[in-house]
Amino acid sequence: MISISVDPFSDTDDVLRSYASSYGANWIWARDVVGATADYQVSGTPTTFIIDQGGQVRYRHVGYTDASIFLSDIDGLVNRN
């Protein structure tokens, strides 16, 4: 799992480290300094992508999404024929 800040100028490395630490979020945090927000057409936050092993975006969710949706998406990828 990776969280990518859409405001790399305000969200410095120190700000992201502090935010992650305060929430106990121990996954990768990054700043979008290469234009991923535009490349993936992120129009709102949060936007969540589930990407398969081949690097293809299989699911995209904009806004709050219940964990059960993510579990269903992942189950569909793991158990597809």
N, C-alpha and C. Protein backbone atom coordinates (compact mmCIF):
# COMPACT_ATOMS: atom_id res chain seq x y z
N MET A 1 0.85 -1.16 0.00
CA MET A 1 0.00 0.00 0.00
C MET A 1 0.89 1.23 0.00
N ILE A 2 0.48 2.22 -0.78
CA ILE A 2 1.22 3.48 -0.87
C ILE A 2 0.22 4.62 -0.79
N SER A 3 0.51 5.61 0.04
CA SER A 3 -0.27 6.85 0.06
C SER A 3 0.56 7.90 -0.65
N ILE A 4 -0.07 8.62 -1.59
CA ILE A 4 0.63 9.65 -2.34
C ILE A 4 -0.05 10.99 -2.10
N SER A 5 0.71 11.95 -1.62
CA SER A 5 0.20 13.29 -1.40
C SER A 5 -0.03 13.98 -2.73
N VAL A 6 -1.17 14.64 -2.89
CA VAL A 6 -1.45 15.37 -4.12
C VAL A 6 -0.96 16.81 -4.04
N ASP A 7 -0.38 17.21 -2.90
CA ASP A 7 0.15 18.55 -2.72
C ASP A 7 1.59 18.45 -2.23
N PRO A 8 2.50 18.12 -3.15
CA PRO A 8 3.88 17.86 -2.73
C PRO A 8 4.63 19.09 -2.21
N PHE A 9 4.09 20.27 -2.45
CA PHE A 9 4.77 21.48 -2.00
C PHE A 9 4.47 21.77 -0.52
N SER A 10 3.23 21.55 -0.11
CA SER A 10 2.86 21.74 1.30
C SER A 10 3.18 20.51 2.13
N ASP A 11 2.97 19.36 1.55
CA ASP A 11 3.21 18.10 2.27
C ASP A 11 4.66 17.68 2.08
N THR A 12 5.52 18.27 2.88
CA THR A 12 6.93 17.94 2.82
C THR A 12 7.15 16.54 3.40
N ASP A 13 8.34 16.03 3.23
CA ASP A 13 8.67 14.71 3.80
C ASP A 13 8.41 14.71 5.30
N ASP A 14 8.80 15.78 5.98
CA ASP A 14 8.61 15.86 7.43
C ASP A 14 7.13 15.87 7.80
N VAL A 15 6.32 16.61 7.05
CA VAL A 15 4.88 16.66 7.31
C VAL A 15 4.27 15.27 7.13
N LEU A 16 4.62 14.58 6.07
CA LEU A 16 4.07 13.24 5.82
C LEU A 16 4.51 12.25 6.90
N ARG A 17 5.78 12.32 7.30
CA ARG A 17 6.25 11.42 8.37
C ARG A 17 5.47 11.66 9.65
N SER A 18 5.26 12.92 9.99
CA SER A 18 4.53 13.27 11.21
C SER A 18 3.09 12.78 11.13
N TYR A 19 2.45 13.00 9.99
CA TYR A 19 1.06 12.58 9.81
C TYR A 19 0.94 11.06 9.93
N ALA A 20 1.81 10.35 9.24
CA ALA A 20 1.78 8.88 9.29
C ALA A 20 2.02 8.38 10.70
N SER A 21 2.96 8.98 11.38
CA SER A 21 3.28 8.58 12.75
C SER A 21 2.10 8.82 13.69
N SER A 22 1.44 9.94 13.52
CA SER A 22 0.33 10.27 14.43
C SER A 22 -0.85 9.31 14.27
N TYR A 23 -0.96 8.67 13.11
CA TYR A 23 -2.06 7.72 12.87
C TYR A 23 -1.59 6.28 12.90
N GLY A 24 -0.33 6.05 13.18
CA GLY A 24 0.19 4.69 13.20
C GLY A 24 0.17 4.03 11.84
N ALA A 25 0.27 4.85 10.79
CA ALA A 25 0.22 4.36 9.41
C ALA A 25 1.63 3.97 8.99
N ASN A 26 1.90 2.68 8.96
CA ASN A 26 3.26 2.21 8.74
C ASN A 26 3.51 1.71 7.32
N TRP A 27 2.78 2.25 6.35
CA TRP A 27 3.03 1.90 4.96
C TRP A 27 3.81 3.04 4.30
N ILE A 28 4.06 2.92 3.01
CA ILE A 28 4.85 3.90 2.26
C ILE A 28 4.04 5.18 2.03
N TRP A 29 4.67 6.32 2.26
CA TRP A 29 4.08 7.64 2.00
C TRP A 29 4.98 8.35 1.01
N ALA A 30 4.40 8.96 -0.01
CA ALA A 30 5.18 9.62 -1.05
C ALA A 30 4.55 10.95 -1.43
N ARG A 31 5.36 11.77 -2.07
CA ARG A 31 4.90 13.06 -2.60
C ARG A 31 4.86 12.94 -4.12
N ASP A 32 3.79 13.43 -4.74
CA ASP A 32 3.68 13.36 -6.20
C ASP A 32 4.50 14.48 -6.83
N VAL A 33 5.73 14.18 -7.13
CA VAL A 33 6.61 15.16 -7.77
C VAL A 33 6.83 14.82 -9.25
N VAL A 34 6.13 13.79 -9.74
CA VAL A 34 6.30 13.37 -11.13
C VAL A 34 5.00 13.44 -11.95
N GLY A 35 3.91 13.92 -11.35
CA GLY A 35 2.67 14.07 -12.10
C GLY A 35 1.75 12.87 -12.10
N ALA A 36 1.90 11.97 -11.13
CA ALA A 36 1.03 10.80 -11.06
C ALA A 36 -0.44 11.18 -10.90
N THR A 37 -0.70 12.26 -10.17
CA THR A 37 -2.07 12.73 -9.97
C THR A 37 -2.73 13.00 -11.31
N ALA A 38 -2.04 13.66 -12.21
CA ALA A 38 -2.57 13.93 -13.54
C ALA A 38 -2.62 12.67 -14.39
N ASP A 39 -1.55 11.88 -14.33
CA ASP A 39 -1.50 10.65 -15.14
C ASP A 39 -2.66 9.71 -14.82
N TYR A 40 -3.03 9.63 -13.54
CA TYR A 40 -4.10 8.73 -13.12
C TYR A 40 -5.45 9.44 -13.00
N GLN A 41 -5.50 10.69 -13.43
CA GLN A 41 -6.72 11.48 -13.47
C GLN A 41 -7.43 11.51 -12.11
N VAL A 42 -6.67 11.83 -11.07
CA VAL A 42 -7.24 11.94 -9.74
C VAL A 42 -8.02 13.24 -9.66
N SER A 43 -9.33 13.12 -9.39
CA SER A 43 -10.20 14.29 -9.37
C SER A 43 -10.68 14.63 -7.97
N GLY A 44 -10.46 13.77 -7.02
CA GLY A 44 -10.87 14.01 -5.65
C GLY A 44 -10.07 13.16 -4.70
N THR A 45 -10.12 13.54 -3.44
CA THR A 45 -9.39 12.75 -2.45
C THR A 45 -10.33 12.30 -1.36
N PRO A 46 -10.13 11.13 -0.86
CA PRO A 46 -9.13 10.17 -1.32
C PRO A 46 -9.58 9.48 -2.61
N THR A 47 -8.61 9.08 -3.40
CA THR A 47 -8.85 8.21 -4.55
C THR A 47 -8.00 6.97 -4.32
N THR A 48 -8.62 5.81 -4.42
CA THR A 48 -7.93 4.56 -4.17
C THR A 48 -7.91 3.72 -5.43
N PHE A 49 -6.75 3.22 -5.76
CA PHE A 49 -6.59 2.33 -6.90
C PHE A 49 -6.16 0.96 -6.39
N ILE A 50 -6.72 -0.07 -6.97
CA ILE A 50 -6.24 -1.43 -6.72
C ILE A 50 -5.64 -1.90 -8.03
N ILE A 51 -4.36 -2.22 -7.97
CA ILE A 51 -3.58 -2.56 -9.15
C ILE A 51 -3.19 -4.03 -9.07
N ASP A 52 -3.38 -4.75 -10.18
CA ASP A 52 -3.08 -6.18 -10.16
C ASP A 52 -1.58 -6.44 -10.29
N GLN A 53 -1.21 -7.71 -10.24
CA GLN A 53 0.20 -8.08 -10.28
C GLN A 53 0.89 -7.69 -11.57
N GLY A 54 0.10 -7.50 -12.62
CA GLY A 54 0.65 -7.10 -13.90
C GLY A 54 0.78 -5.60 -14.06
N GLY A 55 0.39 -4.85 -13.01
CA GLY A 55 0.51 -3.40 -13.05
C GLY A 55 -0.70 -2.70 -13.65
N GLN A 56 -1.78 -3.42 -13.89
CA GLN A 56 -3.00 -2.84 -14.47
C GLN A 56 -3.94 -2.37 -13.37
N VAL A 57 -4.49 -1.16 -13.54
CA VAL A 57 -5.49 -0.67 -12.59
C VAL A 57 -6.77 -1.47 -12.81
N ARG A 58 -7.21 -2.17 -11.78
CA ARG A 58 -8.41 -3.00 -11.88
C ARG A 58 -9.61 -2.35 -11.21
N TYR A 59 -9.36 -1.55 -10.18
CA TYR A 59 -10.45 -0.88 -9.47
C TYR A 59 -10.01 0.52 -9.11
N ARG A 60 -10.98 1.43 -9.14
CA ARG A 60 -10.74 2.83 -8.77
C ARG A 60 -11.94 3.29 -7.96
N HIS A 61 -11.66 3.87 -6.81
CA HIS A 61 -12.73 4.38 -5.93
C HIS A 61 -12.38 5.82 -5.54
N VAL A 62 -13.33 6.73 -5.74
CA VAL A 62 -13.15 8.13 -5.37
C VAL A 62 -14.00 8.40 -4.15
N GLY A 63 -13.39 9.02 -3.13
CA GLY A 63 -14.10 9.33 -1.90
C GLY A 63 -14.02 8.17 -0.92
N TYR A 64 -14.73 8.34 0.19
CA TYR A 64 -14.74 7.30 1.22
C TYR A 64 -15.28 6.01 0.63
N THR A 65 -14.61 4.92 0.88
CA THR A 65 -15.04 3.61 0.42
C THR A 65 -14.94 2.64 1.59
N ASP A 66 -16.01 1.92 1.84
CA ASP A 66 -16.03 0.97 2.94
C ASP A 66 -15.03 -0.16 2.69
N ALA A 67 -14.42 -0.63 3.75
CA ALA A 67 -13.43 -1.70 3.65
C ALA A 67 -13.99 -2.94 2.97
N SER A 68 -15.28 -3.19 3.14
CA SER A 68 -15.89 -4.38 2.53
C SER A 68 -15.79 -4.33 1.00
N ILE A 69 -15.82 -3.14 0.43
CA ILE A 69 -15.68 -2.99 -1.02
C ILE A 69 -14.28 -3.39 -1.45
N PHE A 70 -13.28 -2.92 -0.70
CA PHE A 70 -11.90 -3.27 -1.02
C PHE A 70 -11.68 -4.78 -0.90
N LEU A 71 -12.23 -5.37 0.15
CA LEU A 71 -12.09 -6.82 0.33
C LEU A 71 -12.72 -7.58 -0.82
N SER A 72 -13.87 -7.12 -1.28
CA SER A 72 -14.54 -7.76 -2.41
C SER A 72 -13.71 -7.61 -3.68
N ASP A 73 -13.17 -6.42 -3.91
CA ASP A 73 -12.32 -6.20 -5.08
C ASP A 73 -11.11 -7.14 -5.07
N ILE A 74 -10.43 -7.18 -3.93
CA ILE A 74 -9.24 -8.01 -3.82
C ILE A 74 -9.58 -9.48 -3.96
N ASP A 75 -10.69 -9.89 -3.35
CA ASP A 75 -11.14 -11.28 -3.49
C ASP A 75 -11.38 -11.61 -4.95
N GLY A 76 -11.98 -10.68 -5.68
CA GLY A 76 -12.23 -10.90 -7.10
C GLY A 76 -10.94 -11.08 -7.89
N LEU A 77 -9.90 -10.36 -7.52
CA LEU A 77 -8.61 -10.51 -8.21
C LEU A 77 -7.93 -11.81 -7.85
N VAL A 78 -7.96 -12.15 -6.58
CA VAL A 78 -7.27 -13.35 -6.10
C VAL A 78 -7.95 -14.61 -6.63
N ASN A 79 -9.26 -14.59 -6.70
CA ASN A 79 -10.01 -15.79 -7.06
C ASN A 79 -10.50 -15.82 -8.50
N ARG A 80 -9.99 -14.92 -9.35
CA ARG A 80 -10.46 -14.93 -10.74
C ARG A 80 -9.86 -16.12 -11.49
N ASN A 81 -10.60 -16.56 -12.46
CA ASN A 81 -10.16 -17.75 -13.22
C ASN A 81 -9.36 -17.35 -14.42
